[in-house]
Amino acid sequence: MSYAEFLKEDQRLVILRILNEMPSYSSNSSIIYSVLEQYGHALSRDQVKTHMQWLAEQGLINIDILGLVFVAHLTERGADVATGKAIVPGVKRPAAGA
């Protein structure tokens, strides 16, 4: 696996984990962008939205589009992936106990 692919998988996992930690299991692309930076992922807003669209295609999140902002809602399957109960190729599996 290339380093670029490894980063994509980790970024997608972080997005799912962000949503899993939110009280409503949802957040907007702007907040997700900011939190990804705190976790060491310097992405463009477009890259964040691209990851969100990919996660939606996999059935891990649902997206509402409000103007330029995407609002992501974690699905049950997405929560299972975020916690390591399910595995989806293209999303890093969390470490044990994480």
N, C-alpha and C. Protein backbone atom coordinates (compact mmCIF):
# COMPACT_ATOMS: atom_id res chain seq x y z
N MET A 1 0.84 -1.17 0.00
CA MET A 1 0.00 0.00 0.00
C MET A 1 0.89 1.24 0.00
N SER A 2 0.52 2.22 -0.81
CA SER A 2 1.29 3.45 -0.88
C SER A 2 1.02 4.31 0.35
N TYR A 3 1.93 5.23 0.61
CA TYR A 3 1.77 6.14 1.73
C TYR A 3 0.52 7.01 1.54
N ALA A 4 0.26 7.44 0.31
CA ALA A 4 -0.93 8.26 0.03
C ALA A 4 -2.21 7.49 0.35
N GLU A 5 -2.24 6.21 0.00
CA GLU A 5 -3.43 5.40 0.29
C GLU A 5 -3.58 5.18 1.79
N PHE A 6 -2.47 4.96 2.48
CA PHE A 6 -2.50 4.82 3.94
C PHE A 6 -3.09 6.08 4.58
N LEU A 7 -2.69 7.26 4.11
CA LEU A 7 -3.23 8.51 4.64
C LEU A 7 -4.72 8.64 4.39
N LYS A 8 -5.17 8.29 3.19
CA LYS A 8 -6.60 8.35 2.88
C LYS A 8 -7.40 7.47 3.81
N GLU A 9 -6.92 6.26 4.05
CA GLU A 9 -7.64 5.33 4.93
C GLU A 9 -7.72 5.88 6.35
N ASP A 10 -6.63 6.48 6.82
CA ASP A 10 -6.63 7.05 8.17
C ASP A 10 -7.56 8.26 8.24
N GLN A 11 -7.54 9.10 7.23
CA GLN A 11 -8.41 10.28 7.21
C GLN A 11 -9.88 9.88 7.23
N ARG A 12 -10.23 8.85 6.51
CA ARG A 12 -11.62 8.37 6.50
C ARG A 12 -12.02 7.83 7.87
N LEU A 13 -11.11 7.09 8.51
CA LEU A 13 -11.39 6.59 9.86
C LEU A 13 -11.59 7.75 10.83
N VAL A 14 -10.73 8.76 10.74
CA VAL A 14 -10.85 9.91 11.64
C VAL A 14 -12.20 10.60 11.44
N ILE A 15 -12.65 10.75 10.21
CA ILE A 15 -13.97 11.35 9.96
C ILE A 15 -15.06 10.54 10.66
N LEU A 16 -15.02 9.23 10.52
CA LEU A 16 -16.02 8.38 11.17
C LEU A 16 -15.95 8.50 12.69
N ARG A 17 -14.75 8.56 13.22
CA ARG A 17 -14.59 8.67 14.67
C ARG A 17 -15.06 10.03 15.18
N ILE A 18 -14.83 11.08 14.41
CA ILE A 18 -15.34 12.40 14.78
C ILE A 18 -16.86 12.34 14.90
N LEU A 19 -17.51 11.77 13.89
CA LEU A 19 -18.97 11.69 13.91
C LEU A 19 -19.46 10.80 15.05
N ASN A 20 -18.74 9.74 15.33
CA ASN A 20 -19.14 8.82 16.40
C ASN A 20 -19.07 9.49 17.78
N GLU A 21 -18.21 10.49 17.92
CA GLU A 21 -18.06 11.19 19.20
C GLU A 21 -19.04 12.34 19.37
N MET A 22 -19.70 12.76 18.29
CA MET A 22 -20.66 13.86 18.38
C MET A 22 -21.96 13.38 19.03
N PRO A 23 -22.56 14.20 19.91
CA PRO A 23 -23.81 13.79 20.56
C PRO A 23 -24.92 13.40 19.58
N SER A 24 -24.99 14.09 18.45
CA SER A 24 -26.03 13.80 17.46
C SER A 24 -25.54 12.87 16.35
N TYR A 25 -24.29 12.38 16.47
CA TYR A 25 -23.66 11.55 15.43
C TYR A 25 -23.65 12.25 14.08
N SER A 26 -23.57 13.57 14.11
CA SER A 26 -23.52 14.33 12.86
C SER A 26 -22.67 15.58 13.05
N SER A 27 -22.17 16.10 11.94
CA SER A 27 -21.37 17.32 11.95
C SER A 27 -21.28 17.85 10.53
N ASN A 28 -20.86 19.11 10.41
CA ASN A 28 -20.73 19.67 9.07
C ASN A 28 -19.28 19.60 8.60
N SER A 29 -19.11 19.77 7.30
CA SER A 29 -17.79 19.62 6.68
C SER A 29 -16.79 20.63 7.23
N SER A 30 -17.24 21.79 7.64
CA SER A 30 -16.33 22.80 8.18
C SER A 30 -15.74 22.35 9.52
N ILE A 31 -16.57 21.80 10.38
CA ILE A 31 -16.10 21.30 11.68
C ILE A 31 -15.17 20.10 11.46
N ILE A 32 -15.57 19.20 10.59
CA ILE A 32 -14.74 18.01 10.30
C ILE A 32 -13.38 18.45 9.77
N TYR A 33 -13.35 19.42 8.89
CA TYR A 33 -12.11 19.98 8.36
C TYR A 33 -11.21 20.46 9.51
N SER A 34 -11.77 21.20 10.45
CA SER A 34 -11.00 21.75 11.57
C SER A 34 -10.47 20.66 12.48
N VAL A 35 -11.28 19.65 12.76
CA VAL A 35 -10.85 18.57 13.65
C VAL A 35 -9.78 17.72 12.98
N LEU A 36 -9.90 17.48 11.68
CA LEU A 36 -8.88 16.72 10.96
C LEU A 36 -7.52 17.41 11.09
N GLU A 37 -7.51 18.74 11.03
CA GLU A 37 -6.25 19.47 11.20
C GLU A 37 -5.66 19.22 12.58
N GLN A 38 -6.51 19.17 13.60
CA GLN A 38 -6.03 18.91 14.97
C GLN A 38 -5.42 17.52 15.09
N TYR A 39 -5.88 16.59 14.25
CA TYR A 39 -5.33 15.23 14.25
C TYR A 39 -4.16 15.07 13.29
N GLY A 40 -3.66 16.20 12.76
CA GLY A 40 -2.47 16.16 11.92
C GLY A 40 -2.72 15.94 10.45
N HIS A 41 -3.96 16.06 10.00
CA HIS A 41 -4.27 15.88 8.58
C HIS A 41 -4.58 17.24 7.97
N ALA A 42 -3.64 17.77 7.19
CA ALA A 42 -3.81 19.06 6.53
C ALA A 42 -4.43 18.83 5.16
N LEU A 43 -5.74 18.91 5.09
CA LEU A 43 -6.48 18.68 3.85
C LEU A 43 -7.14 19.97 3.40
N SER A 44 -7.48 20.02 2.13
CA SER A 44 -8.32 21.13 1.64
C SER A 44 -9.77 20.80 1.99
N ARG A 45 -10.61 21.80 1.97
CA ARG A 45 -12.04 21.57 2.21
C ARG A 45 -12.62 20.66 1.13
N ASP A 46 -12.12 20.79 -0.09
CA ASP A 46 -12.58 19.93 -1.18
C ASP A 46 -12.21 18.47 -0.91
N GLN A 47 -11.01 18.23 -0.39
CA GLN A 47 -10.61 16.85 -0.08
C GLN A 47 -11.50 16.26 1.02
N VAL A 48 -11.86 17.07 2.00
CA VAL A 48 -12.75 16.60 3.08
C VAL A 48 -14.10 16.20 2.48
N LYS A 49 -14.64 17.03 1.60
CA LYS A 49 -15.93 16.71 0.98
C LYS A 49 -15.83 15.47 0.09
N THR A 50 -14.70 15.30 -0.58
CA THR A 50 -14.49 14.10 -1.40
C THR A 50 -14.50 12.85 -0.54
N HIS A 51 -13.81 12.90 0.61
CA HIS A 51 -13.84 11.76 1.54
C HIS A 51 -15.26 11.51 2.03
N MET A 52 -15.98 12.57 2.34
CA MET A 52 -17.35 12.42 2.81
C MET A 52 -18.23 11.76 1.76
N GLN A 53 -18.06 12.16 0.49
CA GLN A 53 -18.84 11.53 -0.58
C GLN A 53 -18.49 10.05 -0.72
N TRP A 54 -17.20 9.72 -0.60
CA TRP A 54 -16.78 8.33 -0.67
C TRP A 54 -17.41 7.53 0.46
N LEU A 55 -17.37 8.07 1.67
CA LEU A 55 -17.96 7.38 2.82
C LEU A 55 -19.46 7.19 2.63
N ALA A 56 -20.13 8.15 2.01
CA ALA A 56 -21.56 8.02 1.73
C ALA A 56 -21.81 6.91 0.71
N GLU A 57 -20.96 6.81 -0.30
CA GLU A 57 -21.09 5.75 -1.30
C GLU A 57 -20.96 4.37 -0.67
N GLN A 58 -20.19 4.27 0.40
CA GLN A 58 -20.00 3.00 1.10
C GLN A 58 -21.11 2.72 2.12
N GLY A 59 -22.02 3.66 2.30
CA GLY A 59 -23.11 3.50 3.25
C GLY A 59 -22.70 3.75 4.69
N LEU A 60 -21.59 4.47 4.88
CA LEU A 60 -21.09 4.71 6.23
C LEU A 60 -21.61 6.02 6.81
N ILE A 61 -21.98 6.95 5.95
CA ILE A 61 -22.60 8.20 6.38
C ILE A 61 -23.69 8.57 5.38
N ASN A 62 -24.58 9.45 5.79
CA ASN A 62 -25.53 10.10 4.89
C ASN A 62 -25.15 11.57 4.86
N ILE A 63 -25.39 12.22 3.73
CA ILE A 63 -25.00 13.63 3.59
C ILE A 63 -26.22 14.47 3.18
N ASP A 64 -26.36 15.61 3.87
CA ASP A 64 -27.28 16.67 3.43
C ASP A 64 -26.40 17.81 2.93
N ILE A 65 -26.74 18.37 1.78
CA ILE A 65 -25.96 19.47 1.23
C ILE A 65 -26.74 20.76 1.42
N LEU A 66 -26.12 21.67 2.16
CA LEU A 66 -26.74 22.97 2.45
C LEU A 66 -25.83 24.06 1.89
N GLY A 67 -26.07 24.46 0.66
CA GLY A 67 -25.20 25.44 0.01
C GLY A 67 -23.83 24.84 -0.23
N LEU A 68 -22.80 25.45 0.37
CA LEU A 68 -21.44 24.96 0.21
C LEU A 68 -21.02 24.01 1.32
N VAL A 69 -21.91 23.78 2.27
CA VAL A 69 -21.57 22.95 3.43
C VAL A 69 -22.26 21.60 3.33
N PHE A 70 -21.50 20.54 3.61
CA PHE A 70 -22.06 19.20 3.71
C PHE A 70 -22.31 18.91 5.19
N VAL A 71 -23.45 18.30 5.48
CA VAL A 71 -23.74 17.85 6.84
C VAL A 71 -23.78 16.33 6.80
N ALA A 72 -22.86 15.72 7.56
CA ALA A 72 -22.74 14.26 7.57
C ALA A 72 -23.46 13.68 8.78
N HIS A 73 -24.14 12.55 8.55
CA HIS A 73 -24.84 11.81 9.60
C HIS A 73 -24.29 10.38 9.59
N LEU A 74 -23.77 9.95 10.69
CA LEU A 74 -23.19 8.61 10.79
C LEU A 74 -24.30 7.56 10.71
N THR A 75 -24.07 6.53 9.92
CA THR A 75 -25.02 5.41 9.85
C THR A 75 -24.60 4.35 10.88
N GLU A 76 -25.47 3.39 11.08
CA GLU A 76 -25.15 2.29 12.00
C GLU A 76 -23.91 1.54 11.52
N ARG A 77 -23.84 1.31 10.23
CA ARG A 77 -22.66 0.63 9.66
C ARG A 77 -21.41 1.48 9.86
N GLY A 78 -21.52 2.79 9.70
CA GLY A 78 -20.40 3.68 9.91
C GLY A 78 -19.91 3.64 11.35
N ALA A 79 -20.84 3.55 12.30
CA ALA A 79 -20.46 3.45 13.71
C ALA A 79 -19.73 2.14 13.97
N ASP A 80 -20.16 1.07 13.33
CA ASP A 80 -19.48 -0.21 13.49
C ASP A 80 -18.05 -0.15 12.95
N VAL A 81 -17.85 0.55 11.83
CA VAL A 81 -16.50 0.69 11.26
C VAL A 81 -15.65 1.58 12.16
N ALA A 82 -16.23 2.66 12.68
CA ALA A 82 -15.49 3.59 13.54
C ALA A 82 -14.98 2.91 14.81
N THR A 83 -15.72 1.93 15.29
CA THR A 83 -15.35 1.24 16.53
C THR A 83 -14.64 -0.10 16.28
N GLY A 84 -14.41 -0.44 15.03
CA GLY A 84 -13.68 -1.65 14.71
C GLY A 84 -14.52 -2.92 14.70
N LYS A 85 -15.83 -2.79 14.77
CA LYS A 85 -16.72 -3.97 14.76
C LYS A 85 -16.96 -4.48 13.35
N ALA A 86 -16.69 -3.62 12.36
CA ALA A 86 -16.83 -4.00 10.95
C ALA A 86 -15.62 -3.45 10.21
N ILE A 87 -15.28 -4.10 9.11
CA ILE A 87 -14.14 -3.69 8.30
C ILE A 87 -14.62 -3.33 6.91
N VAL A 88 -14.16 -2.20 6.41
CA VAL A 88 -14.47 -1.77 5.04
C VAL A 88 -13.16 -1.45 4.36
N PRO A 89 -12.85 -2.10 3.24
CA PRO A 89 -11.63 -1.74 2.51
C PRO A 89 -11.67 -0.26 2.14
N GLY A 90 -10.56 0.42 2.37
CA GLY A 90 -10.48 1.84 2.10
C GLY A 90 -10.60 2.69 3.36
N VAL A 91 -10.91 2.04 4.49
CA VAL A 91 -10.96 2.72 5.79
C VAL A 91 -10.04 1.97 6.73
N LYS A 92 -9.14 2.69 7.35
CA LYS A 92 -8.21 2.07 8.29
C LYS A 92 -8.99 1.46 9.45
N ARG A 93 -8.55 0.31 9.87
CA ARG A 93 -9.15 -0.33 11.05
C ARG A 93 -8.53 0.28 12.31
N PRO A 94 -9.37 0.67 13.29
CA PRO A 94 -8.79 1.26 14.51
C PRO A 94 -7.96 0.24 15.27
N ALA A 95 -6.98 0.75 16.01
CA ALA A 95 -6.14 -0.12 16.83
C ALA A 95 -6.97 -0.72 17.96
N ALA A 96 -6.58 -1.85 18.45
CA ALA A 96 -7.27 -2.49 19.56
C ALA A 96 -7.29 -1.55 20.77
N GLY A 97 -8.44 -1.44 21.38
CA GLY A 97 -8.58 -0.59 22.55
C GLY A 97 -8.71 0.88 22.25
N ALA A 98 -8.70 1.25 20.97
CA ALA A 98 -8.79 2.67 20.61
C ALA A 98 -10.22 3.13 20.56
